[in-house]
Protein backbone atom coordinates (compact mmCIF):
# COMPACT_ATOMS: atom_id res chain seq x y z
CA UNK A 1 20.41 -45.15 61.62
CA UNK A 2 18.21 -42.69 63.51
CA UNK A 3 19.16 -40.89 66.69
CA UNK A 4 16.20 -39.99 68.89
CA UNK A 5 17.06 -37.14 71.22
CA UNK A 6 15.71 -36.44 74.69
CA UNK A 7 12.76 -34.04 75.04
CA UNK A 8 13.86 -30.42 75.23
CA UNK A 9 17.41 -31.09 74.07
CA UNK A 10 19.58 -27.97 74.11
CA UNK A 11 20.95 -26.49 70.90
CA UNK A 12 24.50 -27.12 72.12
CA UNK A 13 23.84 -30.79 72.81
CA UNK A 14 22.21 -31.23 69.40
CA UNK A 15 25.18 -29.55 67.73
CA UNK A 16 27.58 -31.92 69.50
CA UNK A 17 25.62 -34.97 68.29
CA UNK A 18 25.64 -33.67 64.71
CA UNK A 19 29.36 -32.83 64.92
CA UNK A 20 30.15 -36.32 66.24
CA UNK A 21 28.31 -38.02 63.37
CA UNK A 22 29.68 -35.76 60.64
CA UNK A 23 33.24 -36.06 61.94
CA UNK A 24 33.00 -39.76 61.10
CA UNK A 25 32.16 -38.93 57.49
CA UNK A 26 28.38 -39.26 57.54
CA UNK A 27 25.79 -36.63 56.70
CA UNK A 28 22.95 -35.69 59.01
CA UNK A 29 19.36 -34.73 58.46
CA UNK A 30 17.48 -33.12 61.35
CA UNK A 31 13.72 -33.53 61.80
CA UNK A 32 12.18 -31.37 64.52
CA UNK A 33 8.88 -32.57 65.94
CA UNK A 34 6.66 -31.21 68.67
CA UNK A 35 8.12 -33.51 71.32
CA UNK A 36 11.51 -34.64 70.06
CA UNK A 37 14.19 -33.89 67.53
CA UNK A 38 15.41 -36.79 65.39
CA UNK A 39 18.77 -36.94 63.64
CA UNK A 40 19.04 -39.15 60.58
CA UNK A 41 22.52 -40.48 59.77
CA UNK A 42 23.28 -40.93 56.08
CA UNK A 43 26.34 -42.80 54.93
CA UNK A 44 28.45 -45.74 56.09
CA UNK A 45 26.76 -46.61 59.38
CA UNK A 46 29.49 -49.15 60.15
CA UNK A 47 31.55 -46.18 61.27
CA UNK A 48 29.05 -45.41 64.01
CA UNK A 49 29.12 -47.13 67.36
CA UNK A 50 25.69 -47.43 68.93
CA UNK A 51 27.30 -47.51 72.37
CA UNK A 52 29.27 -44.37 71.55
CA UNK A 53 26.16 -42.57 70.38
CA UNK A 54 24.04 -43.43 73.41
CA UNK A 55 26.75 -42.08 75.69
CA UNK A 56 26.38 -38.62 74.16
CA UNK A 57 24.43 -36.03 76.11
CA UNK A 58 20.92 -35.64 74.74
CA UNK A 59 20.65 -39.06 73.02
CA UNK A 60 17.66 -41.05 74.21
CA UNK A 61 17.99 -44.03 71.90
CA UNK A 62 19.41 -45.17 68.57
CA UNK A 63 17.20 -46.96 66.05
CA UNK A 64 18.60 -48.92 63.10
CA UNK A 65 16.60 -48.33 59.92
CA UNK A 66 16.40 -51.54 57.95
CA UNK A 67 14.42 -50.09 55.06
CA UNK A 68 16.41 -48.77 52.11
CA UNK A 69 14.48 -45.49 52.17
CA UNK A 70 15.65 -43.86 55.38
CA UNK A 71 14.76 -40.20 55.20
CA UNK A 72 11.37 -41.01 53.66
CA UNK A 73 10.54 -43.65 56.26
CA UNK A 74 7.94 -43.25 58.97
CA UNK A 75 10.63 -44.21 61.50
CA UNK A 76 12.62 -41.12 60.60
CA UNK A 77 9.66 -38.83 61.17
CA UNK A 78 6.68 -40.23 63.07
CA UNK A 79 4.89 -36.91 62.47
CA UNK A 80 3.48 -36.14 59.03
CA UNK A 81 5.45 -33.73 56.87
CA UNK A 82 3.46 -30.59 56.15
CA UNK A 83 4.43 -28.39 53.21
CA UNK A 84 3.26 -24.78 53.08
CA UNK A 85 2.66 -22.69 49.96
CA UNK A 86 1.67 -19.21 48.93
CA UNK A 87 2.60 -15.73 50.07
CA UNK A 88 0.67 -16.24 53.29
CA UNK A 89 1.77 -19.88 53.66
CA UNK A 90 -1.89 -20.69 54.16
CA UNK A 91 -2.00 -23.64 51.78
CA UNK A 92 -0.80 -26.70 53.68
CA UNK A 93 -0.31 -30.08 52.03
CA UNK A 94 -0.08 -32.95 54.50
CA UNK A 95 -2.22 -31.35 57.17
CA UNK A 96 -5.78 -32.17 58.23
CA UNK A 97 -7.47 -30.56 55.24
CA UNK A 98 -7.54 -31.93 51.71
CA UNK A 99 -5.80 -29.75 49.09
CA UNK A 100 -6.87 -29.85 45.44
CA UNK A 101 -4.52 -28.91 42.60
CA UNK A 102 -6.29 -28.37 39.29
CA UNK A 103 -5.84 -26.92 35.84
CA UNK A 104 -5.15 -27.89 32.22
CA UNK A 105 -2.76 -30.62 31.18
CA UNK A 106 -0.87 -28.14 28.99
CA UNK A 107 -0.52 -24.39 28.88
CA UNK A 108 -1.97 -23.65 25.42
CA UNK A 109 -2.42 -19.89 25.53
CA UNK A 110 -3.19 -16.96 27.76
CA UNK A 111 -6.99 -16.85 27.50
CA UNK A 112 -7.43 -20.58 28.01
CA UNK A 113 -5.08 -20.63 31.00
CA UNK A 114 -6.70 -17.66 32.73
CA UNK A 115 -10.18 -19.10 32.12
CA UNK A 116 -9.15 -22.43 33.60
CA UNK A 117 -7.41 -20.81 36.58
CA UNK A 118 -10.40 -18.65 37.51
CA UNK A 119 -12.75 -21.62 37.11
CA UNK A 120 -10.81 -23.98 39.37
CA UNK A 121 -10.11 -21.28 41.94
CA UNK A 122 -13.78 -20.38 42.09
CA UNK A 123 -14.60 -24.03 42.74
CA UNK A 124 -12.14 -24.26 45.64
CA UNK A 125 -8.84 -25.45 44.17
CA UNK A 126 -5.85 -24.12 46.10
CA UNK A 127 -3.12 -24.62 43.50
CA UNK A 128 -2.92 -24.45 39.70
CA UNK A 129 -1.39 -27.14 37.51
CA UNK A 130 -0.29 -26.61 33.94
CA UNK A 131 2.44 -28.09 31.78
CA UNK A 132 4.88 -25.83 29.97
CA UNK A 133 7.09 -28.80 29.02
CA UNK A 134 5.21 -31.96 28.04
CA UNK A 135 6.65 -35.48 27.68
CA UNK A 136 4.63 -37.10 24.90
CA UNK A 137 4.65 -40.63 23.53
CA UNK A 138 4.79 -39.29 19.98
CA UNK A 139 7.59 -36.89 18.98
CA UNK A 140 5.08 -35.18 16.70
CA UNK A 141 2.57 -34.36 19.45
CA UNK A 142 2.38 -30.97 21.16
CA UNK A 143 5.42 -30.68 23.43
CA UNK A 144 4.36 -27.59 25.35
CA UNK A 145 5.09 -23.87 25.03
CA UNK A 146 8.32 -23.92 27.02
CA UNK A 147 9.41 -20.73 28.76
CA UNK A 148 6.54 -18.62 27.35
CA UNK A 149 4.23 -21.10 29.05
CA UNK A 150 6.09 -20.62 32.34
CA UNK A 151 5.70 -16.87 31.95
CA UNK A 152 1.95 -17.27 31.51
CA UNK A 153 1.78 -19.40 34.64
CA UNK A 154 3.62 -16.69 36.55
CA UNK A 155 1.13 -14.11 35.27
CA UNK A 156 -1.78 -16.21 36.50
CA UNK A 157 -0.15 -16.60 39.91
CA UNK A 158 0.34 -12.83 40.14
CA UNK A 159 -3.36 -12.26 39.42
CA UNK A 160 -4.92 -15.09 41.43
CA UNK A 161 -2.38 -15.76 44.18
CA UNK A 162 -2.50 -19.50 43.39
CA UNK A 163 0.81 -21.40 43.70
CA UNK A 164 1.67 -23.18 40.45
CA UNK A 165 2.70 -26.78 39.81
CA UNK A 166 4.50 -27.56 36.56
CA UNK A 167 6.65 -30.36 35.21
CA UNK A 168 10.39 -30.37 34.74
CA UNK A 169 11.77 -33.02 32.40
CA UNK A 170 15.51 -32.49 32.23
CA UNK A 171 18.25 -31.58 34.73
CA UNK A 172 19.16 -28.68 32.43
CA UNK A 173 15.65 -27.23 32.87
CA UNK A 174 15.56 -27.27 36.66
CA UNK A 175 16.99 -23.80 37.24
CA UNK A 176 14.67 -22.28 34.62
CA UNK A 177 11.50 -23.99 35.86
CA UNK A 178 12.35 -23.31 39.51
CA UNK A 179 12.56 -19.59 38.71
CA UNK A 180 8.83 -19.64 37.86
CA UNK A 181 7.23 -22.58 39.66
CA UNK A 182 6.19 -23.11 43.26
CA UNK A 183 6.26 -26.90 42.85
CA UNK A 184 8.45 -28.95 40.52
CA UNK A 185 6.59 -31.96 39.16
CA UNK A 186 8.50 -35.10 38.23
CA UNK A 187 6.36 -37.04 35.78
CA UNK A 188 5.82 -40.79 35.81
CA UNK A 189 8.23 -41.34 32.94
CA UNK A 190 11.00 -39.58 34.87
CA UNK A 191 10.48 -41.16 38.28
CA UNK A 192 13.79 -42.98 38.01
CA UNK A 193 15.68 -40.27 36.12
CA UNK A 194 18.26 -40.14 38.90
CA UNK A 195 20.18 -37.18 37.50
CA UNK A 196 16.93 -35.18 37.49
CA UNK A 197 16.02 -36.35 41.01
CA UNK A 198 19.41 -35.25 42.31
CA UNK A 199 19.08 -31.87 40.64
CA UNK A 200 15.62 -31.07 42.03
CA UNK A 201 16.92 -32.20 45.41
CA UNK A 202 19.42 -29.35 45.34
CA UNK A 203 16.89 -26.56 44.82
CA UNK A 204 14.59 -25.11 47.45
CA UNK A 205 11.32 -25.97 45.76
CA UNK A 206 8.79 -28.60 46.84
CA UNK A 207 8.60 -31.59 44.50
CA UNK A 208 5.55 -33.53 43.34
CA UNK A 209 6.91 -36.98 42.50
CA UNK A 210 4.65 -39.15 40.37
CA UNK A 211 4.80 -42.93 40.59
CA UNK A 212 6.25 -44.57 37.52
CA UNK A 213 4.06 -46.49 35.10
CA UNK A 214 5.20 -49.87 36.45
CA UNK A 215 6.98 -48.84 39.63
CA UNK A 216 6.60 -50.58 42.96
CA UNK A 217 5.90 -48.61 46.11
CA UNK A 218 9.45 -49.25 47.29
CA UNK A 219 10.82 -47.87 44.01
CA UNK A 220 8.69 -44.75 44.44
CA UNK A 221 10.01 -44.23 47.96
CA UNK A 222 13.59 -44.80 46.82
CA UNK A 223 13.08 -42.14 44.14
CA UNK A 224 11.91 -39.79 46.90
CA UNK A 225 15.00 -40.74 48.87
CA UNK A 226 17.22 -39.51 46.03
CA UNK A 227 15.61 -36.08 46.29
CA UNK A 228 15.71 -35.98 50.07
CA UNK A 229 19.32 -37.16 50.25
CA UNK A 230 20.30 -33.95 48.45
CA UNK A 231 18.69 -31.86 51.19
CA UNK A 232 15.17 -31.26 49.88
CA UNK A 233 12.67 -32.80 52.27
CA UNK A 234 9.58 -31.20 50.74
CA UNK A 235 8.43 -34.13 48.61
CA UNK A 236 4.85 -35.06 47.79
CA UNK A 237 4.20 -38.56 46.47
CA UNK A 238 1.65 -38.95 43.69
CA UNK A 239 -0.28 -42.13 42.90
CA UNK A 240 -1.47 -41.79 39.28
CA UNK A 241 -2.27 -45.34 38.36
CA UNK A 242 0.02 -48.11 37.19
CA UNK A 243 0.14 -50.19 34.02
CA UNK A 244 -1.57 -53.58 34.32
CA UNK A 245 -3.29 -56.02 31.98
CA UNK A 246 -6.57 -54.07 32.30
CA UNK A 247 -7.56 -52.00 29.26
CA UNK A 248 -10.88 -50.52 30.42
CA UNK A 249 -9.01 -47.59 31.99
CA UNK A 250 -5.92 -45.70 30.96
CA UNK A 251 -4.11 -47.00 34.04
CA UNK A 252 -5.11 -49.02 37.11
CA UNK A 253 -5.46 -46.83 40.16
CA UNK A 254 -3.72 -48.60 43.04
CA UNK A 255 -6.05 -47.58 45.84
CA UNK A 256 -4.15 -49.81 48.29
CA UNK A 257 -1.01 -47.76 47.68
CA UNK A 258 -2.52 -44.84 49.60
CA UNK A 259 -2.84 -46.50 53.04
CA UNK A 260 0.42 -48.38 52.47
CA UNK A 261 2.26 -45.13 51.80
CA UNK A 262 0.61 -43.42 54.77
CA UNK A 263 1.98 -46.21 56.96
CA UNK A 264 5.43 -46.40 55.39
CA UNK A 265 6.25 -42.70 55.02
CA UNK A 266 5.64 -39.31 56.58
CA UNK A 267 5.46 -37.62 53.17
CA UNK A 268 2.12 -36.28 51.84
CA UNK A 269 0.25 -38.48 49.36
CA UNK A 270 -1.50 -36.90 46.37
CA UNK A 271 -3.70 -38.82 43.91
CA UNK A 272 -4.19 -38.08 40.21
CA UNK A 273 -7.60 -39.51 39.25
CA UNK A 274 -7.37 -38.00 35.75
CA UNK A 275 -4.43 -40.13 34.62
CA UNK A 276 -5.61 -43.13 36.61
CA UNK A 277 -8.94 -43.39 34.80
CA UNK A 278 -8.14 -41.65 31.55
CA UNK A 279 -11.79 -40.69 31.14
CA UNK A 280 -13.59 -37.64 32.47
CA UNK A 281 -16.53 -39.67 33.77
CA UNK A 282 -14.22 -41.68 36.05
CA UNK A 283 -12.48 -38.73 37.68
CA UNK A 284 -15.08 -37.95 40.36
CA UNK A 285 -15.57 -41.52 41.67
CA UNK A 286 -11.81 -42.12 41.71
CA UNK A 287 -11.25 -38.81 43.51
CA UNK A 288 -13.82 -39.75 46.13
CA UNK A 289 -12.20 -43.17 46.62
CA UNK A 290 -8.78 -41.58 47.02
CA UNK A 291 -9.92 -39.27 49.82
CA UNK A 292 -11.77 -42.11 51.54
CA UNK A 293 -8.54 -44.14 51.45
CA UNK A 294 -6.53 -41.39 53.15
CA UNK A 295 -5.00 -39.22 50.42
CA UNK A 296 -3.89 -35.73 51.42
CA UNK A 297 -4.89 -34.14 48.13
CA UNK A 298 -5.77 -34.45 44.48
CA UNK A 299 -4.31 -33.21 41.21
CA UNK A 300 -7.01 -32.96 38.55
CA UNK A 301 -7.03 -31.93 34.90
CA UNK A 302 -9.60 -29.23 34.07
CA UNK A 303 -10.01 -27.52 30.69
CA UNK A 304 -12.60 -24.96 29.55
CA UNK A 305 -12.94 -26.77 26.19
CA UNK A 306 -11.72 -30.38 26.51
CA UNK A 307 -12.81 -31.31 22.99
CA UNK A 308 -10.18 -28.93 21.62
CA UNK A 309 -7.46 -29.50 24.23
CA UNK A 310 -4.02 -30.11 22.77
CA UNK A 311 -3.36 -32.94 25.24
CA UNK A 312 -5.44 -35.23 27.48
CA UNK A 313 -8.79 -33.71 26.56
CA UNK A 314 -10.61 -37.01 27.06
CA UNK A 315 -9.72 -37.07 30.77
CA UNK A 316 -10.12 -33.35 31.46
CA UNK A 317 -13.16 -32.11 33.35
CA UNK A 318 -15.17 -29.14 32.17
CA UNK A 319 -15.44 -26.42 34.84
CA UNK A 320 -19.02 -27.39 35.73
CA UNK A 321 -18.01 -31.03 36.18
CA UNK A 322 -15.11 -29.91 38.37
CA UNK A 323 -17.53 -28.01 40.60
CA UNK A 324 -19.56 -31.22 40.98
CA UNK A 325 -16.41 -33.20 41.76
CA UNK A 326 -15.43 -30.73 44.47
CA UNK A 327 -18.88 -31.01 46.05
CA UNK A 328 -18.68 -34.79 46.12
CA UNK A 329 -15.15 -34.81 47.47
CA UNK A 330 -16.21 -32.37 50.17
CA UNK A 331 -18.76 -34.90 51.39
CA UNK A 332 -16.12 -37.62 51.66
CA UNK A 333 -13.60 -35.30 53.32
CA UNK A 334 -16.18 -34.30 55.93
CA UNK A 335 -17.13 -37.95 56.49
CA UNK A 336 -13.55 -38.97 57.26
CA UNK A 337 -12.92 -35.93 59.46
CA UNK A 338 -10.57 -34.13 57.11
CA UNK A 339 -12.45 -31.22 55.53
CA UNK A 340 -11.35 -29.25 52.47
CA UNK A 341 -8.83 -26.45 52.16
CA UNK A 342 -10.62 -23.70 50.23
CA UNK A 343 -9.26 -20.58 48.60
CA UNK A 344 -9.79 -17.34 50.52
CA UNK A 345 -9.01 -13.96 48.91
CA UNK A 346 -6.32 -11.78 50.46
CA UNK A 347 -7.73 -9.95 53.47
CA UNK A 348 -10.47 -12.50 54.05
CA UNK A 349 -10.94 -13.72 57.62
């Protein structure tokens, strides 16, 4: 159930509404928009009387939410969620401008990571991706550098100012990864790891939630709901392709998922064209399609030497190819009235 308050509601009146709901054993989640404040009620709604709620000062109307994902629903927040990053909070995901996250699949060493970071930043990426912990199909494949990899990511952030996105795979890792990362990534294989979702929901770090290999859109939104129900509303949804009968690409990029998500939820939508296509030559056209369809950003794998990458080299762009991709995406962003969010050095106007 959602309580829509009257415009300009006083702090005292809002506190009384929250107190009334919580006294009945439900939790509340407050969403403040430009015009109105909305109170989401989480718990056994049978304890709430719609008549009793509408009689409270400051309540304009009460809306039942029939969808299982309540906090993630567009009804809960008609305005788009915008998530800010960086020391100057000048990187905004979910706003008008497209944000690109780029970097290597795995952190393999200091020189490689710094080369990749400088390359993607110079091309206009606003955030750096890089895996310190890697879930791999084979137990014998490179599993990531672990905490030393996180330390390297922190070094790159200190030098470049770029917020970092890195994956967390286990509830026991959340505190460690959160100490280094700006964004906690939940990989496709962990989308329904509910213990992990609950744990990242308890920390004050934005979450990039990737759609599971065979997950429906509703299942993706319910996974986001797990995180949000623990108090963390800064969730970005990531379409990275789903498993179908098609074998020409690594996964099948569900382009329709982007406008569907934009209608169903207020959360930002990011697209991963690298994992969707699985081939470097497909990344640019898929990235362009994603922005045309309404995505708020991209997460792209870039490596200075893909042929010798320890993971996902075949789908990683070389720096020059990434520059080309950014130029093409810029054209699409301009055409749809979005524009691109570009890196500006500290002190730049």
